[in-house]
Amino acid sequence: MKKPRIFGMSFGSVYPLYIQKAEKKGRTKAEVDAIIFWLTGYDEAGLQQVLDQKVDFETFFKEAPAMNPNVSLIGVICGYRVEEIEDPLMQQIRYLDKLIDELAKGKAMEKILRQN
């Protein structure tokens, strides 16, 4: 079976779109970064390295220091229950999309990061 195109796309080519989506709604790059750090365990230096090396999504998630165990609290993404998405990489990409969407919709960071 052919891999979805997103798997081979450079994370760095989509990252500015995440920032743009957030900033259009009055949110910040720092908040986008905080979501990425929370979800994947990357820090500033690690994220910058990913961007500099033009790492694809598959490698970005495969080499993530530590996926947050609270991702299971995210629930429904694009009308699908997360646990119903069969491909683990697609699940991770959808987690990130969902968190960025929540940010753009004005949700509080504590709720986005499932802290209460």
Protein backbone atom coordinates (compact mmCIF):
# COMPACT_ATOMS: atom_id res chain seq x y z
CA MET A 1 0.00 0.00 0.00
CA LYS A 2 1.29 3.45 -0.92
CA LYS A 3 2.22 5.78 1.94
CA PRO A 4 0.24 9.03 2.24
CA ARG A 5 2.09 12.00 0.71
CA ILE A 6 2.22 13.85 4.04
CA PHE A 7 4.62 11.21 5.45
CA GLY A 8 7.36 12.31 3.05
CA MET A 9 6.71 16.04 3.28
CA SER A 10 9.26 18.15 5.08
CA PHE A 11 8.07 19.12 8.54
CA GLY A 12 9.73 22.49 7.92
CA SER A 13 7.46 23.14 4.94
CA VAL A 14 4.32 22.76 7.08
CA TYR A 15 5.62 24.36 10.30
CA PRO A 16 5.25 27.95 8.97
CA LEU A 17 1.65 27.12 8.04
CA TYR A 18 0.95 26.07 11.63
CA ILE A 19 2.39 29.38 12.83
CA GLN A 20 0.44 31.34 10.21
CA LYS A 21 -2.81 29.63 11.19
CA ALA A 22 -2.23 30.47 14.85
CA GLU A 23 -1.14 34.07 14.24
CA LYS A 24 -4.20 34.77 12.07
CA LYS A 25 -6.25 34.08 15.19
CA GLY A 26 -4.10 36.19 17.52
CA ARG A 27 -2.00 33.34 18.89
CA THR A 28 1.79 33.12 18.83
CA LYS A 29 4.69 31.09 17.44
CA ALA A 30 5.72 30.43 21.05
CA GLU A 31 2.36 28.74 21.66
CA VAL A 32 2.75 26.60 18.52
CA ASP A 33 6.23 25.62 19.71
CA ALA A 34 4.89 24.81 23.20
CA ILE A 35 2.35 22.44 21.63
CA ILE A 36 5.06 20.73 19.56
CA PHE A 37 7.33 20.43 22.62
CA TRP A 38 4.48 19.01 24.73
CA LEU A 39 3.40 16.50 22.09
CA THR A 40 6.80 15.25 20.94
CA GLY A 41 9.35 15.99 23.65
CA TYR A 42 11.44 18.11 21.30
CA ASP A 43 12.99 21.25 22.77
CA GLU A 44 13.97 24.47 20.97
CA ALA A 45 17.33 23.13 19.80
CA GLY A 46 15.82 19.84 18.65
CA LEU A 47 13.06 21.58 16.73
CA GLN A 48 15.55 23.92 15.08
CA GLN A 49 17.67 20.93 14.06
CA VAL A 50 14.59 19.27 12.50
CA LEU A 51 13.85 22.46 10.56
CA ASP A 52 17.48 22.93 9.45
CA GLN A 53 17.79 19.32 8.27
CA LYS A 54 14.48 19.43 6.39
CA VAL A 55 13.32 16.27 8.16
CA ASP A 56 10.13 14.66 6.81
CA PHE A 57 7.07 13.99 8.98
CA GLU A 58 7.85 10.29 9.26
CA THR A 59 11.34 10.99 10.62
CA PHE A 60 10.10 13.90 12.75
CA PHE A 61 7.77 11.62 14.70
CA LYS A 62 10.00 8.53 14.60
CA GLU A 63 12.87 10.49 16.18
CA ALA A 64 10.69 12.48 18.61
CA PRO A 65 12.28 12.27 22.05
CA ALA A 66 9.05 11.20 23.79
CA MET A 67 5.45 11.30 22.66
CA ASN A 68 3.33 12.68 25.48
CA PRO A 69 1.34 9.92 27.20
CA ASN A 70 -1.64 12.27 27.56
CA VAL A 71 -2.33 12.26 23.81
CA SER A 72 -4.96 9.64 24.52
CA LEU A 73 -7.02 12.46 26.07
CA ILE A 74 -7.37 14.19 22.71
CA GLY A 75 -10.32 12.03 21.64
CA VAL A 76 -11.94 12.97 18.32
CA ILE A 77 -9.97 14.27 15.32
CA CYS A 78 -11.67 15.24 12.08
CA GLY A 79 -14.74 13.25 13.09
CA TYR A 80 -12.75 10.08 13.85
CA ARG A 81 -11.89 8.64 17.23
CA VAL A 82 -8.11 8.67 17.42
CA GLU A 83 -7.91 5.03 18.32
CA GLU A 84 -9.77 4.21 15.07
CA ILE A 85 -6.95 5.68 12.95
CA GLU A 86 -4.97 2.55 12.14
CA ASP A 87 -1.61 4.00 11.09
CA PRO A 88 0.34 5.22 14.16
CA LEU A 89 2.15 7.91 12.16
CA MET A 90 -1.13 9.26 10.79
CA GLN A 91 -2.45 9.31 14.36
CA GLN A 92 0.51 11.43 15.45
CA ILE A 93 0.11 13.85 12.55
CA ARG A 94 -3.60 14.17 13.35
CA TYR A 95 -2.80 14.83 17.02
CA LEU A 96 -0.63 17.76 16.01
CA ASP A 97 -3.24 19.07 13.56
CA LYS A 98 -5.93 18.86 16.24
CA LEU A 99 -3.85 20.71 18.83
CA ILE A 100 -3.01 23.51 16.35
CA ASP A 101 -6.72 23.74 15.43
CA GLU A 102 -7.63 24.07 19.10
CA LEU A 103 -5.06 26.86 19.46
CA ALA A 104 -6.46 28.69 16.44
CA LYS A 105 -9.98 28.34 17.84
CA GLY A 106 -8.92 30.20 20.99
CA LYS A 107 -8.82 27.34 23.45
CA ALA A 108 -6.74 27.97 26.58
CA MET A 109 -3.26 26.46 26.55
CA GLU A 110 -3.95 24.48 29.76
CA LYS A 111 -6.83 22.74 28.01
CA ILE A 112 -4.89 22.19 24.77
CA LEU A 113 -2.05 20.60 26.74
CA ARG A 114 -4.58 18.53 28.71
CA GLN A 115 -3.44 19.95 32.04
CA ASN A 116 -6.87 20.09 33.66
